[in-house]
C-alpha atoms as a PDB file:
ATOM      1  CA  MET A   1       0.000   0.000   0.000  1.00  0.00           C
ATOM      2  CA  THR A   2       1.491   3.365  -1.035  1.00  0.00           C
ATOM      3  CA  ILE A   3       1.349   6.063   1.655  1.00  0.00           C
ATOM      4  CA  SER A   4       2.716   8.888  -0.482  1.00  0.00           C
ATOM      5  CA  ASN A   5       4.455   9.504  -3.750  1.00  0.00           C
ATOM      6  CA  MET A   6       7.800   9.029  -2.019  1.00  0.00           C
ATOM      7  CA  THR A   7       7.350   6.172   0.448  1.00  0.00           C
ATOM      8  CA  VAL A   8       6.016   2.622   0.354  1.00  0.00           C
ATOM      9  CA  PHE A   9       4.539   0.846   3.375  1.00  0.00           C
ATOM     10  CA  MET A  10       6.117  -2.580   3.995  1.00  0.00           C
ATOM     11  CA  PRO A  11       6.800  -3.554   0.356  1.00  0.00           C
ATOM     12  CA  PRO A  12       5.926  -7.226  -0.219  1.00  0.00           C
ATOM     13  CA  VAL A  13       8.490  -7.559  -3.018  1.00  0.00           C
ATOM     14  CA  LEU A  14      11.914  -6.012  -3.571  1.00  0.00           C
ATOM     15  CA  THR A  15      13.867  -5.766  -6.820  1.00  0.00           C
ATOM     16  CA  LEU A  16      17.545  -6.733  -6.966  1.00  0.00           C
ATOM     17  CA  ILE A  17      19.143  -5.017  -9.949  1.00  0.00           C
ATOM     18  CA  GLY A  18      22.409  -6.969  -9.829  1.00  0.00           C
ATOM     19  CA  ILE A  19      25.480  -4.841 -10.491  1.00  0.00           C
ATOM     20  CA  PRO A  20      24.446  -1.251 -11.260  1.00  0.00           C
ATOM     21  CA  GLY A  21      26.425   0.122 -14.173  1.00  0.00           C
ATOM     22  CA  LEU A  22      27.238  -3.296 -15.575  1.00  0.00           C
ATOM     23  CA  GLU A  23      23.748  -4.510 -16.462  1.00  0.00           C
ATOM     24  CA  SER A  24      24.683  -4.954 -20.126  1.00  0.00           C
ATOM     25  CA  VAL A  25      27.521  -7.395 -19.334  1.00  0.00           C
ATOM     26  CA  GLN A  26      26.042  -9.192 -16.332  1.00  0.00           C
ATOM     27  CA  HIS A  27      25.428 -12.335 -18.374  1.00  0.00           C
ATOM     28  CA  TRP A  28      29.193 -12.571 -18.951  1.00  0.00           C
ATOM     29  CA  ILE A  29      30.009 -11.796 -15.314  1.00  0.00           C
ATOM     30  CA  GLY A  30      27.783 -14.714 -14.325  1.00  0.00           C
ATOM     31  CA  ILE A  31      30.125 -17.204 -16.028  1.00  0.00           C
ATOM     32  CA  PRO A  32      33.075 -16.889 -13.586  1.00  0.00           C
ATOM     33  CA  PHE A  33      30.645 -16.741 -10.655  1.00  0.00           C
ATOM     34  CA  CYS A  34      29.011 -19.964 -11.849  1.00  0.00           C
ATOM     35  CA  ALA A  35      32.427 -21.598 -12.345  1.00  0.00           C
ATOM     36  CA  MET A  36      33.522 -20.643  -8.818  1.00  0.00           C
ATOM     37  CA  TYR A  37      30.235 -21.957  -7.424  1.00  0.00           C
ATOM     38  CA  LEU A  38      30.562 -25.316  -9.192  1.00  0.00           C
ATOM     39  CA  ILE A  39      34.181 -25.721  -8.073  1.00  0.00           C
ATOM     40  CA  ALA A  40      33.198 -24.788  -4.515  1.00  0.00           C
ATOM     41  CA  MET A  41      30.363 -27.344  -4.524  1.00  0.00           C
ATOM     42  CA  ILE A  42      32.472 -30.142  -6.006  1.00  0.00           C
ATOM     43  CA  GLY A  43      35.582 -29.407  -3.951  1.00  0.00           C
ATOM     44  CA  ASN A  44      33.837 -29.060  -0.597  1.00  0.00           C
ATOM     45  CA  SER A  45      31.585 -32.063  -1.261  1.00  0.00           C
ATOM     46  CA  LEU A  46      34.659 -34.136  -2.108  1.00  0.00           C
ATOM     47  CA  LEU A  47      36.321 -33.052   1.131  1.00  0.00           C
ATOM     48  CA  LEU A  48      33.227 -34.000   3.130  1.00  0.00           C
ATOM     49  CA  ILE A  49      33.010 -37.441   1.472  1.00  0.00           C
ATOM     50  CA  ILE A  50      36.687 -38.148   2.185  1.00  0.00           C
ATOM     51  CA  ILE A  51      36.528 -36.945   5.797  1.00  0.00           C
ATOM     52  CA  LYS A  52      33.374 -38.984   6.443  1.00  0.00           C
ATOM     53  CA  THR A  53      34.560 -42.234   4.835  1.00  0.00           C
ATOM     54  CA  GLU A  54      38.203 -42.284   6.007  1.00  0.00           C
ATOM     55  CA  ARG A  55      38.414 -43.200   9.673  1.00  0.00           C
ATOM     56  CA  SER A  56      42.002 -41.940   9.851  1.00  0.00           C
ATOM     57  CA  LEU A  57      40.650 -38.437   9.242  1.00  0.00           C
ATOM     58  CA  HIS A  58      38.192 -38.522  12.143  1.00  0.00           C
ATOM     59  CA  LYS A  59      40.353 -36.079  14.075  1.00  0.00           C
ATOM     60  CA  PRO A  60      39.514 -32.573  15.339  1.00  0.00           C
ATOM     61  CA  MET A  61      41.473 -30.807  12.584  1.00  0.00           C
ATOM     62  CA  TYR A  62      39.582 -32.633   9.832  1.00  0.00           C
ATOM     63  CA  ILE A  63      36.228 -32.428  11.617  1.00  0.00           C
ATOM     64  CA  PHE A  64      36.642 -28.639  11.791  1.00  0.00           C
ATOM     65  CA  LEU A  65      37.574 -28.723   8.114  1.00  0.00           C
ATOM     66  CA  GLY A  66      34.347 -30.614   7.425  1.00  0.00           C
ATOM     67  CA  MET A  67      32.390 -27.941   9.328  1.00  0.00           C
ATOM     68  CA  LEU A  68      34.114 -25.298   7.215  1.00  0.00           C
ATOM     69  CA  GLY A  69      33.145 -27.190   4.065  1.00  0.00           C
ATOM     70  CA  VAL A  70      29.469 -27.384   5.091  1.00  0.00           C
ATOM     71  CA  THR A  71      29.494 -23.651   5.885  1.00  0.00           C
ATOM     72  CA  ASP A  72      31.093 -22.825   2.529  1.00  0.00           C
ATOM     73  CA  ILE A  73      28.510 -24.893   0.641  1.00  0.00           C
ATOM     74  CA  ALA A  74      25.655 -23.227   2.522  1.00  0.00           C
ATOM     75  CA  LEU A  75      27.073 -19.713   2.073  1.00  0.00           C
ATOM     76  CA  ALA A  76      27.670 -20.087  -1.664  1.00  0.00           C
ATOM     77  CA  THR A  77      24.235 -21.683  -2.197  1.00  0.00           C
ATOM     78  CA  THR A  78      22.554 -18.831  -0.325  1.00  0.00           C
ATOM     79  CA  ILE A  79      24.002 -16.315  -2.781  1.00  0.00           C
ATOM     80  CA  VAL A  80      24.842 -17.736  -6.203  1.00  0.00           C
ATOM     81  CA  PRO A  81      21.571 -19.303  -7.500  1.00  0.00           C
ATOM     82  CA  LYS A  82      19.624 -16.051  -7.032  1.00  0.00           C
ATOM     83  CA  MET A  83      22.562 -14.040  -8.392  1.00  0.00           C
ATOM     84  CA  LEU A  84      22.683 -16.163 -11.551  1.00  0.00           C
ATOM     85  CA  GLY A  85      18.908 -15.802 -11.872  1.00  0.00           C
ATOM     86  CA  ILE A  86      19.432 -12.035 -11.977  1.00  0.00           C
ATOM     87  CA  PHE A  87      22.393 -12.166 -14.372  1.00  0.00           C
ATOM     88  CA  TRP A  88      21.105 -14.775 -16.827  1.00  0.00           C
ATOM     89  CA  PHE A  89      17.318 -14.950 -16.571  1.00  0.00           C
ATOM     90  CA  HIS A  90      16.430 -11.421 -15.421  1.00  0.00           C
ATOM     91  CA  VAL A  91      14.592 -12.735 -12.363  1.00  0.00           C
ATOM     92  CA  LEU A  92      14.956  -9.571 -10.289  1.00  0.00           C
ATOM     93  CA  GLU A  93      12.094  -9.841  -7.803  1.00  0.00           C
ATOM     94  CA  ILE A  94      12.461 -11.315  -4.327  1.00  0.00           C
ATOM     95  CA  TYR A  95       9.919 -11.422  -1.509  1.00  0.00           C
ATOM     96  CA  PHE A  96      10.749  -9.025   1.320  1.00  0.00           C
ATOM     97  CA  GLU A  97      10.821 -11.812   3.921  1.00  0.00           C
ATOM     98  CA  SER A  98      12.995 -13.955   1.629  1.00  0.00           C
ATOM     99  CA  CYS A  99      15.382 -11.043   1.253  1.00  0.00           C
ATOM    100  CA  LEU A 100      15.660 -10.664   5.023  1.00  0.00           C
ATOM    101  CA  LEU A 101      16.199 -14.414   5.371  1.00  0.00           C
ATOM    102  CA  GLN A 102      18.955 -14.336   2.760  1.00  0.00           C
ATOM    103  CA  MET A 103      20.585 -11.402   4.562  1.00  0.00           C
ATOM    104  CA  TRP A 104      20.470 -13.240   7.889  1.00  0.00           C
ATOM    105  CA  LEU A 105      21.855 -16.461   6.405  1.00  0.00           C
ATOM    106  CA  ILE A 106      24.715 -14.705   4.598  1.00  0.00           C
ATOM    107  CA  HIS A 107      25.949 -12.832   7.648  1.00  0.00           C
ATOM    108  CA  THR A 108      25.357 -15.822   9.933  1.00  0.00           C
ATOM    109  CA  PHE A 109      27.446 -18.119   7.733  1.00  0.00           C
ATOM    110  CA  GLN A 110      30.165 -15.458   7.600  1.00  0.00           C
ATOM    111  CA  CYS A 111      30.299 -15.392  11.397  1.00  0.00           C
ATOM    112  CA  ILE A 112      30.298 -19.200  11.560  1.00  0.00           C
ATOM    113  CA  GLU A 113      33.221 -19.385   9.132  1.00  0.00           C
ATOM    114  CA  SER A 114      35.226 -16.944  11.242  1.00  0.00           C
ATOM    115  CA  GLY A 115      34.443 -18.939  14.390  1.00  0.00           C
ATOM    116  CA  ILE A 116      35.522 -22.217  12.769  1.00  0.00           C
ATOM    117  CA  LEU A 117      38.835 -20.651  11.712  1.00  0.00           C
ATOM    118  CA  LEU A 118      39.342 -19.619  15.339  1.00  0.00           C
ATOM    119  CA  ALA A 119      38.598 -23.182  16.491  1.00  0.00           C
ATOM    120  CA  MET A 120      41.083 -24.563  13.937  1.00  0.00           C
ATOM    121  CA  ALA A 121      43.762 -22.136  15.133  1.00  0.00           C
ATOM    122  CA  LEU A 122      43.214 -23.179  18.759  1.00  0.00           C
ATOM    123  CA  ASP A 123      43.331 -26.841  17.722  1.00  0.00           C
ATOM    124  CA  ARG A 124      46.710 -26.310  16.016  1.00  0.00           C
ATOM    125  CA  TYR A 125      47.942 -24.334  19.041  1.00  0.00           C
ATOM    126  CA  VAL A 126      47.188 -27.177  21.453  1.00  0.00           C
ATOM    127  CA  ALA A 127      48.448 -29.852  19.010  1.00  0.00           C
ATOM    128  CA  ILE A 128      51.820 -28.141  18.527  1.00  0.00           C
ATOM    129  CA  CYS A 129      52.407 -26.429  21.874  1.00  0.00           C
ATOM    130  CA  TYR A 130      50.906 -29.172  24.100  1.00  0.00           C
ATOM    131  CA  PRO A 131      50.951 -32.345  21.943  1.00  0.00           C
ATOM    132  CA  LEU A 132      50.648 -34.769  24.857  1.00  0.00           C
ATOM    133  CA  ARG A 133      47.471 -33.090  26.086  1.00  0.00           C
ATOM    134  CA  HIS A 134      45.818 -32.565  22.697  1.00  0.00           C
ATOM    135  CA  ALA A 135      43.820 -35.811  22.637  1.00  0.00           C
ATOM    136  CA  ALA A 136      42.591 -35.241  26.185  1.00  0.00           C
ATOM    137  CA  ILE A 137      41.560 -31.631  25.507  1.00  0.00           C
ATOM    138  CA  PHE A 138      40.082 -31.800  21.992  1.00  0.00           C
ATOM    139  CA  THR A 139      37.702 -34.708  22.469  1.00  0.00           C
ATOM    140  CA  HIS A 140      34.865 -35.366  20.021  1.00  0.00           C
ATOM    141  CA  GLN A 141      32.456 -34.004  22.608  1.00  0.00           C
ATOM    142  CA  LEU A 142      34.362 -30.720  22.848  1.00  0.00           C
ATOM    143  CA  VAL A 143      34.545 -30.434  19.052  1.00  0.00           C
ATOM    144  CA  THR A 144      30.762 -30.883  18.838  1.00  0.00           C
ATOM    145  CA  GLN A 145      30.221 -28.300  21.573  1.00  0.00           C
ATOM    146  CA  ILE A 146      32.509 -25.820  19.794  1.00  0.00           C
ATOM    147  CA  GLY A 147      30.540 -26.276  16.580  1.00  0.00           C
ATOM    148  CA  ALA A 148      27.262 -25.661  18.420  1.00  0.00           C
ATOM    149  CA  VAL A 149      28.595 -22.582  20.237  1.00  0.00           C
ATOM    150  CA  VAL A 150      30.030 -21.086  17.040  1.00  0.00           C
ATOM    151  CA  THR A 151      26.700 -21.575  15.250  1.00  0.00           C
ATOM    152  CA  LEU A 152      24.611 -20.183  18.115  1.00  0.00           C
ATOM    153  CA  ARG A 153      26.941 -17.196  18.530  1.00  0.00           C
ATOM    154  CA  ALA A 154      26.545 -16.289  14.868  1.00  0.00           C
ATOM    155  CA  ALA A 155      22.769 -16.772  14.778  1.00  0.00           C
ATOM    156  CA  ILE A 156      22.204 -14.755  17.976  1.00  0.00           C
ATOM    157  CA  LEU A 157      24.536 -11.895  17.010  1.00  0.00           C
ATOM    158  CA  VAL A 158      23.053 -11.447  13.528  1.00  0.00           C
ATOM    159  CA  ALA A 159      19.377 -11.921  14.490  1.00  0.00           C
ATOM    160  CA  PRO A 160      18.909  -8.377  15.938  1.00  0.00           C
ATOM    161  CA  CYS A 161      19.826  -6.908  12.528  1.00  0.00           C
ATOM    162  CA  LEU A 162      16.856  -8.744  11.040  1.00  0.00           C
ATOM    163  CA  VAL A 163      14.545  -7.820  13.941  1.00  0.00           C
ATOM    164  CA  LEU A 164      15.526  -4.138  13.801  1.00  0.00           C
ATOM    165  CA  ILE A 165      14.786  -3.947  10.084  1.00  0.00           C
ATOM    166  CA  LYS A 166      11.481  -5.824  10.415  1.00  0.00           C
ATOM    167  CA  CYS A 167      10.188  -3.928  13.453  1.00  0.00           C
ATOM    168  CA  ARG A 168      11.643  -0.431  13.127  1.00  0.00           C
ATOM    169  CA  PHE A 169      11.310   0.191   9.397  1.00  0.00           C
ATOM    170  CA  GLN A 170       7.801   0.255   7.936  1.00  0.00           C
ATOM    171  CA  PHE A 171       8.188   2.925   5.260  1.00  0.00           C
ATOM    172  CA  TYR A 172      10.635   2.614   2.392  1.00  0.00           C
ATOM    173  CA  LEU A 173      11.848   5.190  -0.102  1.00  0.00           C
ATOM    174  CA  THR A 174      12.276   2.619  -2.843  1.00  0.00           C
ATOM    175  CA  MET A 175      11.785  -1.086  -3.504  1.00  0.00           C
ATOM    176  CA  VAL A 176      14.926  -1.326  -5.661  1.00  0.00           C
ATOM    177  CA  VAL A 177      18.017  -2.854  -4.023  1.00  0.00           C
ATOM    178  CA  SER A 178      21.176  -1.695  -5.787  1.00  0.00           C
ATOM    179  CA  HIS A 179      22.961  -4.966  -5.194  1.00  0.00           C
ATOM    180  CA  SER A 180      23.186  -8.527  -6.459  1.00  0.00           C
ATOM    181  CA  TYR A 181      22.130 -10.016  -3.112  1.00  0.00           C
ATOM    182  CA  CYS A 182      20.401  -8.871   0.080  1.00  0.00           C
ATOM    183  CA  GLU A 183      23.251  -7.242   1.951  1.00  0.00           C
ATOM    184  CA  HIS A 184      22.504  -5.599   5.309  1.00  0.00           C
ATOM    185  CA  MET A 185      23.429  -2.006   4.473  1.00  0.00           C
ATOM    186  CA  ALA A 186      21.863  -2.222   1.001  1.00  0.00           C
ATOM    187  CA  ILE A 187      18.500  -3.013   2.655  1.00  0.00           C
ATOM    188  CA  VAL A 188      18.908  -0.436   5.432  1.00  0.00           C
ATOM    189  CA  LYS A 189      19.487   2.315   2.847  1.00  0.00           C
ATOM    190  CA  LEU A 190      16.004   1.675   1.414  1.00  0.00           C
ATOM    191  CA  ALA A 191      14.268   2.746   4.616  1.00  0.00           C
ATOM    192  CA  ALA A 192      12.675   6.140   5.227  1.00  0.00           C
ATOM    193  CA  GLY A 193      13.742   7.011   8.729  1.00  0.00           C
ATOM    194  CA  ASN A 194      16.607   6.913  11.194  1.00  0.00           C
ATOM    195  CA  VAL A 195      18.911   4.070  10.184  1.00  0.00           C
ATOM    196  CA  HIS A 196      21.811   4.908  12.501  1.00  0.00           C
ATOM    197  CA  ILE A 197      20.963   2.185  15.032  1.00  0.00           C
ATOM    198  CA  ASN A 198      21.059  -0.473  12.309  1.00  0.00           C
ATOM    199  CA  LYS A 199      24.339   0.854  10.935  1.00  0.00           C
ATOM    200  CA  ILE A 200      25.897   0.988  14.397  1.00  0.00           C
ATOM    201  CA  TYR A 201      24.711  -2.508  15.314  1.00  0.00           C
ATOM    202  CA  GLY A 202      25.963  -3.893  11.998  1.00  0.00           C
ATOM    203  CA  LEU A 203      29.402  -2.414  12.668  1.00  0.00           C
ATOM    204  CA  PHE A 204      29.248  -3.709  16.256  1.00  0.00           C
ATOM    205  CA  VAL A 205      28.646  -7.273  15.045  1.00  0.00           C
ATOM    206  CA  ALA A 206      31.379  -7.050  12.409  1.00  0.00           C
ATOM    207  CA  PHE A 207      34.000  -5.643  14.764  1.00  0.00           C
ATOM    208  CA  THR A 208      32.980  -7.922  17.658  1.00  0.00           C
ATOM    209  CA  VAL A 209      33.301 -11.106  15.612  1.00  0.00           C
ATOM    210  CA  ALA A 210      36.303 -10.043  13.527  1.00  0.00           C
ATOM    211  CA  GLY A 211      38.073  -8.387  16.447  1.00  0.00           C
ATOM    212  CA  PHE A 212      37.605 -11.290  18.862  1.00  0.00           C
ATOM    213  CA  ASP A 213      38.402 -14.037  16.365  1.00  0.00           C
ATOM    214  CA  LEU A 214      41.260 -12.190  14.684  1.00  0.00           C
ATOM    215  CA  THR A 215      42.925 -11.402  18.015  1.00  0.00           C
ATOM    216  CA  PHE A 216      42.900 -14.979  19.273  1.00  0.00           C
ATOM    217  CA  ILE A 217      43.820 -16.466  15.880  1.00  0.00           C
ATOM    218  CA  THR A 218      46.825 -14.143  15.690  1.00  0.00           C
ATOM    219  CA  LEU A 219      47.879 -14.918  19.263  1.00  0.00           C
ATOM    220  CA  SER A 220      47.551 -18.652  18.603  1.00  0.00           C
ATOM    221  CA  TYR A 221      49.838 -18.549  15.566  1.00  0.00           C
ATOM    222  CA  ILE A 222      52.353 -16.316  17.339  1.00  0.00           C
ATOM    223  CA  HIS A 223      52.642 -18.935  20.111  1.00  0.00           C
ATOM    224  CA  ILE A 224      52.787 -21.695  17.483  1.00  0.00           C
ATOM    225  CA  PHE A 225      55.676 -20.026  15.635  1.00  0.00           C
ATOM    226  CA  ILE A 226      57.569 -19.444  18.872  1.00  0.00           C
ATOM    227  CA  THR A 227      57.149 -23.102  19.815  1.00  0.00           C
ATOM    228  CA  VAL A 228      58.089 -24.354  16.336  1.00  0.00           C
ATOM    229  CA  PHE A 229      61.264 -22.286  16.182  1.00  0.00           C
ATOM    230  CA  HIS A 230      62.385 -23.769  19.510  1.00  0.00           C
ATOM    231  CA  LEU A 231      61.924 -27.378  18.408  1.00  0.00           C
ATOM    232  CA  PRO A 232      65.329 -29.126  18.374  1.00  0.00           C
ATOM    233  CA  GLN A 233      64.840 -31.186  15.209  1.00  0.00           C
ATOM    234  CA  LYS A 234      64.539 -29.593  11.784  1.00  0.00           C
ATOM    235  CA  GLU A 235      62.157 -32.315  10.559  1.00  0.00           C
ATOM    236  CA  ALA A 236      59.827 -31.674  13.485  1.00  0.00           C
ATOM    237  CA  ARG A 237      59.860 -27.935  12.749  1.00  0.00           C
ATOM    238  CA  LEU A 238      59.024 -28.506   9.085  1.00  0.00           C
ATOM    239  CA  LYS A 239      56.232 -30.969   9.892  1.00  0.00           C
ATOM    240  CA  ALA A 240      54.655 -28.639  12.443  1.00  0.00           C
ATOM    241  CA  PHE A 241      54.933 -25.663  10.126  1.00  0.00           C
ATOM    242  CA  ASN A 242      53.480 -27.577   7.146  1.00  0.00           C
ATOM    243  CA  THR A 243      50.354 -28.489   9.122  1.00  0.00           C
ATOM    244  CA  CYS A 244      49.725 -24.767   9.675  1.00  0.00           C
ATOM    245  CA  ILE A 245      50.293 -23.540   6.106  1.00  0.00           C
ATOM    246  CA  PRO A 246      46.764 -24.307   4.770  1.00  0.00           C
ATOM    247  CA  HIS A 247      45.132 -22.824   7.889  1.00  0.00           C
ATOM    248  CA  ILE A 248      47.202 -19.645   7.612  1.00  0.00           C
ATOM    249  CA  SER A 249      46.466 -19.373   3.872  1.00  0.00           C
ATOM    250  CA  VAL A 250      42.708 -19.693   4.415  1.00  0.00           C
ATOM    251  CA  PHE A 251      42.805 -17.313   7.374  1.00  0.00           C
ATOM    252  CA  LEU A 252      44.754 -14.658   5.426  1.00  0.00           C
ATOM    253  CA  GLN A 253      42.651 -14.781   2.272  1.00  0.00           C
ATOM    254  CA  LEU A 254      39.393 -14.508   4.256  1.00  0.00           C
ATOM    255  CA  TYR A 255      40.407 -11.572   6.443  1.00  0.00           C
ATOM    256  CA  LEU A 256      42.394  -9.720   3.780  1.00  0.00           C
ATOM    257  CA  LEU A 257      39.399  -9.852   1.430  1.00  0.00           C
ATOM    258  CA  ALA A 258      37.098  -8.811   4.293  1.00  0.00           C
ATOM    259  CA  PHE A 259      39.177  -5.795   5.300  1.00  0.00           C
ATOM    260  CA  PHE A 260      39.811  -4.748   1.703  1.00  0.00           C
ATOM    261  CA  SER A 261      36.090  -4.893   0.924  1.00  0.00           C
ATOM    262  CA  PHE A 262      35.168  -3.104   4.169  1.00  0.00           C
ATOM    263  CA  PHE A 263      37.621  -0.212   3.806  1.00  0.00           C
ATOM    264  CA  THR A 264      36.826   0.228   0.120  1.00  0.00           C
ATOM    265  CA  HIS A 265      33.132   0.402   0.983  1.00  0.00           C
ATOM    266  CA  ARG A 266      33.542   2.770   3.950  1.00  0.00           C
ATOM    267  CA  PHE A 267      36.235   5.130   2.657  1.00  0.00           C
ATOM    268  CA  GLY A 268      36.146   4.728  -1.126  1.00  0.00           C
ATOM    269  CA  SER A 269      33.360   7.194  -1.830  1.00  0.00           C
ATOM    270  CA  HIS A 270      34.955   7.999  -5.196  1.00  0.00           C
ATOM    271  CA  VAL A 271      34.979   4.317  -6.212  1.00  0.00           C
ATOM    272  CA  PRO A 272      32.134   3.355  -8.613  1.00  0.00           C
ATOM    273  CA  PRO A 273      29.306   1.335  -6.981  1.00  0.00           C
ATOM    274  CA  TYR A 274      29.903  -1.674  -9.229  1.00  0.00           C
ATOM    275  CA  ILE A 275      33.419  -2.005  -7.791  1.00  0.00           C
ATOM    276  CA  HIS A 276      31.986  -2.153  -4.264  1.00  0.00           C
ATOM    277  CA  ILE A 277      29.469  -4.822  -5.264  1.00  0.00           C
ATOM    278  CA  LEU A 278      32.015  -6.914  -7.167  1.00  0.00           C
ATOM    279  CA  LEU A 279      34.422  -6.783  -4.208  1.00  0.00           C
ATOM    280  CA  SER A 280      31.728  -7.773  -1.709  1.00  0.00           C
ATOM    281  CA  SER A 281      30.623 -10.631  -3.988  1.00  0.00           C
ATOM    282  CA  PHE A 282      34.180 -11.911  -4.392  1.00  0.00           C
ATOM    283  CA  TYR A 283      34.674 -11.625  -0.621  1.00  0.00           C
ATOM    284  CA  LEU A 284      31.769 -14.043  -0.122  1.00  0.00           C
ATOM    285  CA  LEU A 285      32.513 -16.446  -2.998  1.00  0.00           C
ATOM    286  CA  VAL A 286      36.308 -16.683  -3.099  1.00  0.00           C
ATOM    287  CA  PRO A 287      36.702 -18.479   0.298  1.00  0.00           C
ATOM    288  CA  PRO A 288      34.274 -21.335  -0.578  1.00  0.00           C
ATOM    289  CA  PHE A 289      36.021 -21.599  -3.953  1.00  0.00           C
ATOM    290  CA  LEU A 290      39.621 -21.529  -2.648  1.00  0.00           C
ATOM    291  CA  ASN A 291      39.326 -23.403   0.660  1.00  0.00           C
ATOM    292  CA  PRO A 292      39.009 -26.947  -0.785  1.00  0.00           C
ATOM    293  CA  LEU A 293      41.760 -26.195  -3.324  1.00  0.00           C
ATOM    294  CA  VAL A 294      44.122 -24.990  -0.597  1.00  0.00           C
ATOM    295  CA  TYR A 295      43.473 -27.937   1.703  1.00  0.00           C
ATOM    296  CA  GLY A 296      43.549 -30.407  -1.176  1.00  0.00           C
ATOM    297  CA  ALA A 297      46.920 -29.124  -2.367  1.00  0.00           C
ATOM    298  CA  LYS A 298      48.604 -28.439   0.984  1.00  0.00           C
ATOM    299  CA  THR A 299      47.334 -31.267   3.216  1.00  0.00           C
ATOM    300  CA  LYS A 300      49.108 -34.521   2.391  1.00  0.00           C
ATOM    301  CA  GLN A 301      46.529 -36.850   3.968  1.00  0.00           C
ATOM    302  CA  ILE A 302      43.671 -35.261   2.025  1.00  0.00           C
ATOM    303  CA  ARG A 303      45.671 -35.152  -1.200  1.00  0.00           C
ATOM    304  CA  ILE A 304      46.421 -38.879  -0.952  1.00  0.00           C
ATOM    305  CA  HIS A 305      42.770 -39.783  -0.345  1.00  0.00           C
ATOM    306  CA  VAL A 306      41.595 -37.496  -3.184  1.00  0.00           C
ATOM    307  CA  LEU A 307      43.927 -39.269  -5.605  1.00  0.00           C
ATOM    308  CA  LYS A 308      42.752 -42.677  -4.323  1.00  0.00           C
ATOM    309  CA  LEU A 309      39.112 -41.665  -4.743  1.00  0.00           C
ATOM    310  CA  LEU A 310      39.645 -40.296  -8.261  1.00  0.00           C
ATOM    311  CA  CYS A 311      41.732 -43.253  -9.406  1.00  0.00           C
ATOM    312  CA  SER A 312      39.458 -45.949  -8.008  1.00  0.00           C
END
């Protein structure tokens, strides 16, 4: 129901326009996005099959890797199918509630991924710095509890963003979302009214999760490096360091992309909008795409089982 010529009361449907400024070439942009999605699905599914079927991989490090794979599959699936529908089939409409659900799922899965990386860093810290106590500390029960806590933390932290939008904003200036998916700030900017609380809470969630996880991940690897450098045998140092390389690679690519996208969005007012949207899309899709490739190439046990599975 339209209240005035300028505002709309609780629009039932929103319109996602994709990448503003690049509408004429969106069908070509969809090709690399589709390729990354397919590789992410195949790679992460292959990792999950190997971790589930090989009993030798039923260890905390690989269980956390399986959790990361499930999160990556869910995150990519939340975004890419609708995005390709916009790019290739011009299916721009999305129900308002579906848009909010997509927003909540995207940011929840982002928080879960960060929490799993923290759990993996702590697992490597205990395994390398206190190897004799690792099995006693990281039991299967503790791993399950960590997975539950990480998921609940993400869901609870992100939920108020959805509630604030649903309850506080009833009038909207436009029904057109200048984005390729339902991103929090893209939806908030549609509202007619004071949006500062939503912006502040969104930043609070981002800095709380990233700040907490990043601090403890960094501290864990600092202690790991100190311990590794003091190991007496060169072979032991190399083995310990090699187990950390894939974790560090995944950790760096996730947070570097996140900070680059964030600072470009916040301080790059002169940057064209399509650059912001492309960066935010790559920030969400590159980790699910790269994670299985990194672990498949850098983790010997997984590489061996992948070759066995493909050659059988």
